[in-house]
Structures are given as structure tokens and as C-alpha cells.
Amino acid sequence: MEFIGLLAPVAFVFAMAALTQVGALRKEMAELKEELTRIKGKRENH
């Protein structure tokens, strides 16, 4: 059981890294949606 207790800090670091990655992906998705909306707007004007 002590071994599992030693793994907790490592698991925490991996979890924090994963949350950071999710945040970056969400930001990138928002930027892509905005760009797609802009492209659709340009297309409709032609």
C-alpha cells in the first residue's frame, strides 16, 4: 500500500499536465471555429 502512496504525486503531475493540454486544445478549437465562421462569411459574400 505504501507503493501506491508514492505514486500519488506522479499521478497528480500527469493529471495537471493533462488538464493543461485540454485547456490548450479548447483554445485551439475556439480559434478554428472563429476562422471557419470567417471563411463561411467570405464565401457567402461572393
PDB file of N, CA and C in Angstrom:
ATOM      1  N   MET A   1       0.814  -1.197   0.000  1.00  0.00           N
ATOM      2  CA  MET A   1       0.000   0.000   0.000  1.00  0.00           C
ATOM      3  C   MET A   1       0.861   1.267   0.000  1.00  0.00           C
ATOM      4  N   GLU A   2       2.032   1.202   0.597  1.00  0.00           N
ATOM      5  CA  GLU A   2       2.902   2.379   0.599  1.00  0.00           C
ATOM      6  C   GLU A   2       3.320   2.754  -0.815  1.00  0.00           C
ATOM      7  N   PHE A   3       3.472   1.739  -1.657  1.00  0.00           N
ATOM      8  CA  PHE A   3       3.879   1.983  -3.039  1.00  0.00           C
ATOM      9  C   PHE A   3       2.859   2.868  -3.760  1.00  0.00           C
ATOM     10  N   ILE A   4       1.596   2.610  -3.537  1.00  0.00           N
ATOM     11  CA  ILE A   4       0.537   3.411  -4.164  1.00  0.00           C
ATOM     12  C   ILE A   4       0.601   4.855  -3.656  1.00  0.00           C
ATOM     13  N   GLY A   5       0.903   5.016  -2.385  1.00  0.00           N
ATOM     14  CA  GLY A   5       1.050   6.358  -1.828  1.00  0.00           C
ATOM     15  C   GLY A   5       2.190   7.123  -2.470  1.00  0.00           C
ATOM     16  N   LEU A   6       3.231   6.422  -2.861  1.00  0.00           N
ATOM     17  CA  LEU A   6       4.367   7.067  -3.525  1.00  0.00           C
ATOM     18  C   LEU A   6       4.034   7.477  -4.955  1.00  0.00           C
ATOM     19  N   LEU A   7       3.076   6.797  -5.558  1.00  0.00           N
ATOM     20  CA  LEU A   7       2.690   7.121  -6.932  1.00  0.00           C
ATOM     21  C   LEU A   7       1.754   8.327  -7.017  1.00  0.00           C
ATOM     22  N   ALA A   8       1.149   8.707  -5.914  1.00  0.00           N
ATOM     23  CA  ALA A   8       0.178   9.806  -5.929  1.00  0.00           C
ATOM     24  C   ALA A   8       0.765  11.114  -6.477  1.00  0.00           C
ATOM     25  N   PRO A   9       1.948  11.542  -6.053  1.00  0.00           N
ATOM     26  CA  PRO A   9       2.485  12.793  -6.612  1.00  0.00           C
ATOM     27  C   PRO A   9       2.720  12.719  -8.126  1.00  0.00           C
ATOM     28  N   VAL A  10       3.159  11.573  -8.594  1.00  0.00           N
ATOM     29  CA  VAL A  10       3.394  11.392 -10.031  1.00  0.00           C
ATOM     30  C   VAL A  10       2.068  11.467 -10.777  1.00  0.00           C
ATOM     31  N   ALA A  11       1.050  10.814 -10.242  1.00  0.00           N
ATOM     32  CA  ALA A  11      -0.271  10.847 -10.860  1.00  0.00           C
ATOM     33  C   ALA A  11      -0.806  12.277 -10.882  1.00  0.00           C
ATOM     34  N   PHE A  12      -0.554  13.017  -9.834  1.00  0.00           N
ATOM     35  CA  PHE A  12      -1.012  14.407  -9.767  1.00  0.00           C
ATOM     36  C   PHE A  12      -0.351  15.240 -10.861  1.00  0.00           C
ATOM     37  N   VAL A  13       0.943  15.056 -11.065  1.00  0.00           N
ATOM     38  CA  VAL A  13       1.662  15.802 -12.101  1.00  0.00           C
ATOM     39  C   VAL A  13       1.102  15.454 -13.473  1.00  0.00           C
ATOM     40  N   PHE A  14       0.857  14.176 -13.738  1.00  0.00           N
ATOM     41  CA  PHE A  14       0.282  13.781 -15.021  1.00  0.00           C
ATOM     42  C   PHE A  14      -1.117  14.357 -15.203  1.00  0.00           C
ATOM     43  N   ALA A  15      -1.899  14.394 -14.147  1.00  0.00           N
ATOM     44  CA  ALA A  15      -3.248  14.952 -14.224  1.00  0.00           C
ATOM     45  C   ALA A  15      -3.195  16.445 -14.539  1.00  0.00           C
ATOM     46  N   MET A  16      -2.290  17.152 -13.909  1.00  0.00           N
ATOM     47  CA  MET A  16      -2.167  18.595 -14.170  1.00  0.00           C
ATOM     48  C   MET A  16      -1.719  18.847 -15.615  1.00  0.00           C
ATOM     49  N   ALA A  17      -0.806  18.025 -16.106  1.00  0.00           N
ATOM     50  CA  ALA A  17      -0.357  18.161 -17.493  1.00  0.00           C
ATOM     51  C   ALA A  17      -1.507  17.894 -18.452  1.00  0.00           C
ATOM     52  N   ALA A  18      -2.328  16.914 -18.147  1.00  0.00           N
ATOM     53  CA  ALA A  18      -3.472  16.596 -18.997  1.00  0.00           C
ATOM     54  C   ALA A  18      -4.475  17.751 -19.002  1.00  0.00           C
ATOM     55  N   LEU A  19      -4.722  18.349 -17.852  1.00  0.00           N
ATOM     56  CA  LEU A  19      -5.649  19.482 -17.791  1.00  0.00           C
ATOM     57  C   LEU A  19      -5.123  20.669 -18.589  1.00  0.00           C
ATOM     58  N   THR A  20      -3.833  20.888 -18.531  1.00  0.00           N
ATOM     59  CA  THR A  20      -3.228  21.968 -19.303  1.00  0.00           C
ATOM     60  C   THR A  20      -3.396  21.707 -20.795  1.00  0.00           C
ATOM     61  N   GLN A  21      -3.198  20.463 -21.189  1.00  0.00           N
ATOM     62  CA  GLN A  21      -3.342  20.088 -22.599  1.00  0.00           C
ATOM     63  C   GLN A  21      -4.787  20.279 -23.060  1.00  0.00           C
ATOM     64  N   VAL A  22      -5.738  19.916 -22.223  1.00  0.00           N
ATOM     65  CA  VAL A  22      -7.153  20.093 -22.558  1.00  0.00           C
ATOM     66  C   VAL A  22      -7.469  21.576 -22.738  1.00  0.00           C
ATOM     67  N   GLY A  23      -6.931  22.407 -21.873  1.00  0.00           N
ATOM     68  CA  GLY A  23      -7.142  23.838 -21.997  1.00  0.00           C
ATOM     69  C   GLY A  23      -6.596  24.376 -23.312  1.00  0.00           C
ATOM     70  N   ALA A  24      -5.425  23.921 -23.691  1.00  0.00           N
ATOM     71  CA  ALA A  24      -4.824  24.366 -24.947  1.00  0.00           C
ATOM     72  C   ALA A  24      -5.655  23.899 -26.139  1.00  0.00           C
ATOM     73  N   LEU A  25      -6.163  22.679 -26.078  1.00  0.00           N
ATOM     74  CA  LEU A  25      -6.985  22.165 -27.167  1.00  0.00           C
ATOM     75  C   LEU A  25      -8.296  22.934 -27.281  1.00  0.00           C
ATOM     76  N   ARG A  26      -8.883  23.288 -26.152  1.00  0.00           N
ATOM     77  CA  ARG A  26     -10.124  24.071 -26.181  1.00  0.00           C
ATOM     78  C   ARG A  26      -9.893  25.429 -26.821  1.00  0.00           C
ATOM     79  N   LYS A  27      -8.777  26.058 -26.481  1.00  0.00           N
ATOM     80  CA  LYS A  27      -8.444  27.367 -27.060  1.00  0.00           C
ATOM     81  C   LYS A  27      -8.257  27.236 -28.565  1.00  0.00           C
ATOM     82  N   GLU A  28      -7.557  26.196 -28.980  1.00  0.00           N
ATOM     83  CA  GLU A  28      -7.323  25.985 -30.412  1.00  0.00           C
ATOM     84  C   GLU A  28      -8.638  25.715 -31.142  1.00  0.00           C
ATOM     85  N   MET A  29      -9.527  24.948 -30.525  1.00  0.00           N
ATOM     86  CA  MET A  29     -10.836  24.674 -31.135  1.00  0.00           C
ATOM     87  C   MET A  29     -11.625  25.971 -31.303  1.00  0.00           C
ATOM     88  N   ALA A  30     -11.592  26.839 -30.308  1.00  0.00           N
ATOM     89  CA  ALA A  30     -12.310  28.109 -30.400  1.00  0.00           C
ATOM     90  C   ALA A  30     -11.752  28.954 -31.542  1.00  0.00           C
ATOM     91  N   GLU A  31     -10.433  28.968 -31.687  1.00  0.00           N
ATOM     92  CA  GLU A  31      -9.816  29.735 -32.770  1.00  0.00           C
ATOM     93  C   GLU A  31     -10.203  29.165 -34.129  1.00  0.00           C
ATOM     94  N   LEU A  32     -10.238  27.844 -34.235  1.00  0.00           N
ATOM     95  CA  LEU A  32     -10.609  27.215 -35.504  1.00  0.00           C
ATOM     96  C   LEU A  32     -12.069  27.481 -35.851  1.00  0.00           C
ATOM     97  N   LYS A  33     -12.938  27.454 -34.854  1.00  0.00           N
ATOM     98  CA  LYS A  33     -14.357  27.762 -35.099  1.00  0.00           C
ATOM     99  C   LYS A  33     -14.518  29.191 -35.587  1.00  0.00           C
ATOM    100  N   GLU A  34     -13.777  30.112 -34.980  1.00  0.00           N
ATOM    101  CA  GLU A  34     -13.833  31.516 -35.383  1.00  0.00           C
ATOM    102  C   GLU A  34     -13.354  31.679 -36.824  1.00  0.00           C
ATOM    103  N   GLU A  35     -12.266  30.995 -37.155  1.00  0.00           N
ATOM    104  CA  GLU A  35     -11.730  31.074 -38.515  1.00  0.00           C
ATOM    105  C   GLU A  35     -12.711  30.477 -39.517  1.00  0.00           C
ATOM    106  N   LEU A  36     -13.342  29.384 -39.164  1.00  0.00           N
ATOM    107  CA  LEU A  36     -14.322  28.751 -40.042  1.00  0.00           C
ATOM    108  C   LEU A  36     -15.514  29.669 -40.275  1.00  0.00           C
ATOM    109  N   THR A  37     -15.959  30.350 -39.240  1.00  0.00           N
ATOM    110  CA  THR A  37     -17.062  31.298 -39.365  1.00  0.00           C
ATOM    111  C   THR A  37     -16.675  32.434 -40.314  1.00  0.00           C
ATOM    112  N   ARG A  38     -15.445  32.912 -40.186  1.00  0.00           N
ATOM    113  CA  ARG A  38     -14.948  33.978 -41.068  1.00  0.00           C
ATOM    114  C   ARG A  38     -14.918  33.512 -42.519  1.00  0.00           C
ATOM    115  N   ILE A  39     -14.440  32.292 -42.741  1.00  0.00           N
ATOM    116  CA  ILE A  39     -14.353  31.747 -44.097  1.00  0.00           C
ATOM    117  C   ILE A  39     -15.753  31.586 -44.683  1.00  0.00           C
ATOM    118  N   LYS A  40     -16.684  31.103 -43.894  1.00  0.00           N
ATOM    119  CA  LYS A  40     -18.079  30.955 -44.361  1.00  0.00           C
ATOM    120  C   LYS A  40     -18.662  32.307 -44.725  1.00  0.00           C
ATOM    121  N   GLY A  41     -18.361  33.331 -43.948  1.00  0.00           N
ATOM    122  CA  GLY A  41     -18.849  34.682 -44.222  1.00  0.00           C
ATOM    123  C   GLY A  41     -18.311  35.214 -45.527  1.00  0.00           C
ATOM    124  N   LYS A  42     -17.024  35.003 -45.794  1.00  0.00           N
ATOM    125  CA  LYS A  42     -16.417  35.446 -47.045  1.00  0.00           C
ATOM    126  C   LYS A  42     -17.034  34.709 -48.224  1.00  0.00           C
ATOM    127  N   ARG A  43     -17.313  33.437 -48.043  1.00  0.00           N
ATOM    128  CA  ARG A  43     -17.854  32.607 -49.107  1.00  0.00           C
ATOM    129  C   ARG A  43     -19.271  33.066 -49.494  1.00  0.00           C
ATOM    130  N   GLU A  44     -20.062  33.426 -48.492  1.00  0.00           N
ATOM    131  CA  GLU A  44     -21.425  33.848 -48.756  1.00  0.00           C
ATOM    132  C   GLU A  44     -21.479  35.210 -49.453  1.00  0.00           C
ATOM    133  N   ASN A  45     -20.462  36.033 -49.245  1.00  0.00           N
ATOM    134  CA  ASN A  45     -20.439  37.360 -49.873  1.00  0.00           C
ATOM    135  C   ASN A  45     -20.117  37.296 -51.360  1.00  0.00           C
ATOM    136  N   HIS A  46     -19.532  36.204 -51.832  1.00  0.00           N
ATOM    137  CA  HIS A  46     -19.162  36.105 -53.257  1.00  0.00           C
ATOM    138  C   HIS A  46     -20.283  35.597 -54.077  1.00  0.00           C
TER     139      HIS A  46
END
